[in-house]
Amino acid sequence: MKRACLAGIACLGFIAGTASAQVTVIGGGLAKDCFLKVESGSTNYVDVKQTCTLALESEVMTRINRAATYVNRGIIRMRSGDHDGALGDFDRAISLQEDLGAAYLNRGAALILLGDYENAKFALDTAIDLDTVSRSIA
């Protein structure tokens, strides 16, 4: 039992650290800065979240870039422990672009961290069905 618990904790650590499939933003501006900060693994969560939020609030962007920026902000929220906020961002991204595998992948990771394994499995299966770039993580 102890070994199973340790394996589960290790798995959660893996998910929190690696299941962050950021989404590339085409173009420049704050949305691109948000992506680059997430991609670099910045641990200055307040700064990155602020950059992403400012991009969402002030920049005109395509529906696809807006969805990507929500995913990227959700990743930062998840990394900082705000799993509910992350889920909200992943859901917004999905509402903008239903076939965005990275949104489902990260949604699944957040749900695992919240202990909602049934819905996590559905999200991860959807990510796999959409042929997400990070299929092996899903």
C-alpha atoms as a PDB file:
ATOM      1  CA  MET A   1       0.000   0.000   0.000  1.00  0.00           C
ATOM      2  CA  LYS A   2       2.810   2.354   0.932  1.00  0.00           C
ATOM      3  CA  ARG A   3       4.529   1.656  -2.392  1.00  0.00           C
ATOM      4  CA  ALA A   4       1.281   2.389  -4.305  1.00  0.00           C
ATOM      5  CA  CYS A   5       0.876   5.704  -2.489  1.00  0.00           C
ATOM      6  CA  LEU A   6       4.459   6.693  -3.298  1.00  0.00           C
ATOM      7  CA  ALA A   7       3.928   5.765  -6.945  1.00  0.00           C
ATOM      8  CA  GLY A   8       0.768   7.880  -7.025  1.00  0.00           C
ATOM      9  CA  ILE A   9       2.572  10.874  -5.514  1.00  0.00           C
ATOM     10  CA  ALA A  10       5.410  10.494  -8.016  1.00  0.00           C
ATOM     11  CA  CYS A  11       2.876  10.357 -10.840  1.00  0.00           C
ATOM     12  CA  LEU A  12       1.213  13.570  -9.639  1.00  0.00           C
ATOM     13  CA  GLY A  13       4.594  15.271  -9.513  1.00  0.00           C
ATOM     14  CA  PHE A  14       5.275  14.149 -13.072  1.00  0.00           C
ATOM     15  CA  ILE A  15       1.903  15.461 -14.226  1.00  0.00           C
ATOM     16  CA  ALA A  16       2.308  18.812 -12.517  1.00  0.00           C
ATOM     17  CA  GLY A  17       5.768  19.248 -13.954  1.00  0.00           C
ATOM     18  CA  THR A  18       5.460  17.909 -17.472  1.00  0.00           C
ATOM     19  CA  ALA A  19       1.860  17.727 -18.639  1.00  0.00           C
ATOM     20  CA  SER A  20       2.009  21.344 -19.650  1.00  0.00           C
ATOM     21  CA  ALA A  21       1.609  21.357 -23.388  1.00  0.00           C
ATOM     22  CA  GLN A  22       1.915  25.049 -24.156  1.00  0.00           C
ATOM     23  CA  VAL A  23       0.450  26.318 -27.399  1.00  0.00           C
ATOM     24  CA  THR A  24       2.432  28.423 -29.858  1.00  0.00           C
ATOM     25  CA  VAL A  25       1.036  31.872 -30.584  1.00  0.00           C
ATOM     26  CA  ILE A  26       1.542  33.183 -34.107  1.00  0.00           C
ATOM     27  CA  GLY A  27       2.599  36.816 -34.293  1.00  0.00           C
ATOM     28  CA  GLY A  28       4.024  39.093 -31.633  1.00  0.00           C
ATOM     29  CA  GLY A  29       2.881  41.151 -28.707  1.00  0.00           C
ATOM     30  CA  LEU A  30       1.927  40.149 -25.196  1.00  0.00           C
ATOM     31  CA  ALA A  31       0.309  36.862 -26.256  1.00  0.00           C
ATOM     32  CA  LYS A  32       3.630  35.784 -27.777  1.00  0.00           C
ATOM     33  CA  ASP A  33       5.458  36.954 -24.633  1.00  0.00           C
ATOM     34  CA  CYS A  34       3.034  34.870 -22.559  1.00  0.00           C
ATOM     35  CA  PHE A  35       3.796  31.785 -24.682  1.00  0.00           C
ATOM     36  CA  LEU A  36       7.563  32.317 -24.504  1.00  0.00           C
ATOM     37  CA  LYS A  37       7.499  32.695 -20.719  1.00  0.00           C
ATOM     38  CA  VAL A  38       5.426  29.529 -20.307  1.00  0.00           C
ATOM     39  CA  GLU A  39       7.630  27.627 -22.762  1.00  0.00           C
ATOM     40  CA  SER A  40      10.783  28.696 -20.915  1.00  0.00           C
ATOM     41  CA  GLY A  41       9.420  27.256 -17.664  1.00  0.00           C
ATOM     42  CA  SER A  42       9.498  30.590 -15.863  1.00  0.00           C
ATOM     43  CA  THR A  43       8.755  30.228 -12.173  1.00  0.00           C
ATOM     44  CA  ASN A  44       7.802  33.890 -11.799  1.00  0.00           C
ATOM     45  CA  TYR A  45       4.143  32.882 -11.909  1.00  0.00           C
ATOM     46  CA  VAL A  46       2.788  36.305 -10.988  1.00  0.00           C
ATOM     47  CA  ASP A  47       4.657  37.989 -13.850  1.00  0.00           C
ATOM     48  CA  VAL A  48       3.701  35.346 -16.414  1.00  0.00           C
ATOM     49  CA  LYS A  49       0.043  35.290 -15.354  1.00  0.00           C
ATOM     50  CA  GLN A  50      -0.034  39.088 -15.531  1.00  0.00           C
ATOM     51  CA  THR A  51       1.452  39.060 -19.046  1.00  0.00           C
ATOM     52  CA  CYS A  52      -1.075  36.469 -20.216  1.00  0.00           C
ATOM     53  CA  THR A  53      -4.009  38.280 -18.593  1.00  0.00           C
ATOM     54  CA  LEU A  54      -2.968  41.622 -20.083  1.00  0.00           C
ATOM     55  CA  ALA A  55      -2.749  39.972 -23.511  1.00  0.00           C
ATOM     56  CA  LEU A  56      -6.270  38.550 -23.136  1.00  0.00           C
ATOM     57  CA  GLU A  57      -7.676  41.868 -21.905  1.00  0.00           C
ATOM     58  CA  SER A  58      -5.951  44.301 -24.239  1.00  0.00           C
ATOM     59  CA  GLU A  59      -4.872  42.637 -27.472  1.00  0.00           C
ATOM     60  CA  VAL A  60      -6.884  41.975 -30.569  1.00  0.00           C
ATOM     61  CA  MET A  61      -6.101  38.412 -31.620  1.00  0.00           C
ATOM     62  CA  THR A  62      -7.493  35.607 -33.669  1.00  0.00           C
ATOM     63  CA  ARG A  63      -9.775  33.056 -32.038  1.00  0.00           C
ATOM     64  CA  ILE A  64      -6.974  30.481 -32.283  1.00  0.00           C
ATOM     65  CA  ASN A  65      -4.387  32.743 -30.605  1.00  0.00           C
ATOM     66  CA  ARG A  66      -6.913  33.662 -27.889  1.00  0.00           C
ATOM     67  CA  ALA A  67      -7.543  29.956 -27.211  1.00  0.00           C
ATOM     68  CA  ALA A  68      -3.778  29.342 -27.109  1.00  0.00           C
ATOM     69  CA  THR A  69      -3.289  32.203 -24.660  1.00  0.00           C
ATOM     70  CA  TYR A  70      -5.966  30.780 -22.370  1.00  0.00           C
ATOM     71  CA  VAL A  71      -4.155  27.427 -22.421  1.00  0.00           C
ATOM     72  CA  ASN A  72      -0.846  29.115 -21.657  1.00  0.00           C
ATOM     73  CA  ARG A  73      -2.323  31.116 -18.764  1.00  0.00           C
ATOM     74  CA  GLY A  74      -4.005  27.942 -17.513  1.00  0.00           C
ATOM     75  CA  ILE A  75      -0.641  26.199 -17.449  1.00  0.00           C
ATOM     76  CA  ILE A  76       0.801  28.953 -15.264  1.00  0.00           C
ATOM     77  CA  ARG A  77      -2.214  28.764 -12.975  1.00  0.00           C
ATOM     78  CA  MET A  78      -1.828  24.995 -12.714  1.00  0.00           C
ATOM     79  CA  ARG A  79       1.901  25.263 -11.992  1.00  0.00           C
ATOM     80  CA  SER A  80       1.194  27.774  -9.222  1.00  0.00           C
ATOM     81  CA  GLY A  81      -1.459  25.551  -7.630  1.00  0.00           C
ATOM     82  CA  ASP A  82      -4.581  27.379  -8.871  1.00  0.00           C
ATOM     83  CA  HIS A  83      -6.148  24.263 -10.380  1.00  0.00           C
ATOM     84  CA  ASP A  84      -9.697  25.658 -10.458  1.00  0.00           C
ATOM     85  CA  GLY A  85      -8.510  28.801 -12.266  1.00  0.00           C
ATOM     86  CA  ALA A  86      -6.567  26.604 -14.671  1.00  0.00           C
ATOM     87  CA  LEU A  87      -9.682  24.540 -15.422  1.00  0.00           C
ATOM     88  CA  GLY A  88     -11.581  27.738 -16.199  1.00  0.00           C
ATOM     89  CA  ASP A  89      -8.898  28.787 -18.665  1.00  0.00           C
ATOM     90  CA  PHE A  90      -8.779  25.367 -20.331  1.00  0.00           C
ATOM     91  CA  ASP A  91     -12.582  25.381 -20.636  1.00  0.00           C
ATOM     92  CA  ARG A  92     -12.490  28.861 -22.234  1.00  0.00           C
ATOM     93  CA  ALA A  93      -9.874  27.635 -24.698  1.00  0.00           C
ATOM     94  CA  ILE A  94     -12.022  24.622 -25.589  1.00  0.00           C
ATOM     95  CA  SER A  95     -15.069  26.846 -26.091  1.00  0.00           C
ATOM     96  CA  LEU A  96     -13.035  28.889 -28.585  1.00  0.00           C
ATOM     97  CA  GLN A  97     -11.390  25.940 -30.339  1.00  0.00           C
ATOM     98  CA  GLU A  98     -13.034  22.566 -29.712  1.00  0.00           C
ATOM     99  CA  ASP A  99     -10.239  20.580 -31.380  1.00  0.00           C
ATOM    100  CA  LEU A 100      -7.352  21.989 -29.320  1.00  0.00           C
ATOM    101  CA  GLY A 101      -5.760  18.829 -27.938  1.00  0.00           C
ATOM    102  CA  ALA A 102      -3.402  20.716 -25.613  1.00  0.00           C
ATOM    103  CA  ALA A 103      -6.389  22.236 -23.813  1.00  0.00           C
ATOM    104  CA  TYR A 104      -7.805  18.769 -23.119  1.00  0.00           C
ATOM    105  CA  LEU A 105      -4.403  17.416 -22.105  1.00  0.00           C
ATOM    106  CA  ASN A 106      -3.832  20.175 -19.573  1.00  0.00           C
ATOM    107  CA  ARG A 107      -7.456  19.990 -18.407  1.00  0.00           C
ATOM    108  CA  GLY A 108      -6.872  16.298 -17.691  1.00  0.00           C
ATOM    109  CA  ALA A 109      -3.724  17.077 -15.719  1.00  0.00           C
ATOM    110  CA  ALA A 110      -5.544  19.675 -13.614  1.00  0.00           C
ATOM    111  CA  LEU A 111      -8.390  17.233 -12.948  1.00  0.00           C
ATOM    112  CA  ILE A 112      -5.908  14.573 -11.799  1.00  0.00           C
ATOM    113  CA  LEU A 113      -4.380  17.084  -9.412  1.00  0.00           C
ATOM    114  CA  LEU A 114      -7.894  17.744  -8.073  1.00  0.00           C
ATOM    115  CA  GLY A 115      -8.544  13.998  -7.706  1.00  0.00           C
ATOM    116  CA  ASP A 116     -11.290  13.884 -10.367  1.00  0.00           C
ATOM    117  CA  TYR A 117      -9.954  10.836 -12.192  1.00  0.00           C
ATOM    118  CA  GLU A 118     -13.089   9.970 -14.153  1.00  0.00           C
ATOM    119  CA  ASN A 119     -13.314  13.368 -15.834  1.00  0.00           C
ATOM    120  CA  ALA A 120      -9.524  13.429 -16.204  1.00  0.00           C
ATOM    121  CA  LYS A 121      -9.661  10.165 -18.147  1.00  0.00           C
ATOM    122  CA  PHE A 122     -12.304  11.612 -20.473  1.00  0.00           C
ATOM    123  CA  ALA A 123     -10.193  14.757 -21.066  1.00  0.00           C
ATOM    124  CA  LEU A 124      -7.036  12.741 -21.705  1.00  0.00           C
ATOM    125  CA  ASP A 125      -8.843  10.319 -24.019  1.00  0.00           C
ATOM    126  CA  THR A 126     -10.140  13.335 -25.943  1.00  0.00           C
ATOM    127  CA  ALA A 127      -6.596  14.730 -26.186  1.00  0.00           C
ATOM    128  CA  ILE A 128      -5.432  11.408 -27.611  1.00  0.00           C
ATOM    129  CA  ASP A 129      -8.358  11.267 -30.048  1.00  0.00           C
ATOM    130  CA  LEU A 130      -7.461  14.763 -31.248  1.00  0.00           C
ATOM    131  CA  ASP A 131      -3.916  13.532 -31.834  1.00  0.00           C
ATOM    132  CA  THR A 132      -2.384  16.062 -29.489  1.00  0.00           C
ATOM    133  CA  VAL A 133       1.338  16.732 -29.942  1.00  0.00           C
ATOM    134  CA  SER A 134       1.932  15.424 -26.402  1.00  0.00           C
ATOM    135  CA  ARG A 135       0.161  12.100 -26.935  1.00  0.00           C
ATOM    136  CA  SER A 136       2.660  10.159 -24.862  1.00  0.00           C
ATOM    137  CA  ILE A 137       1.985  12.362 -21.852  1.00  0.00           C
ATOM    138  CA  ALA A 138      -1.772  11.875 -22.231  1.00  0.00           C
END
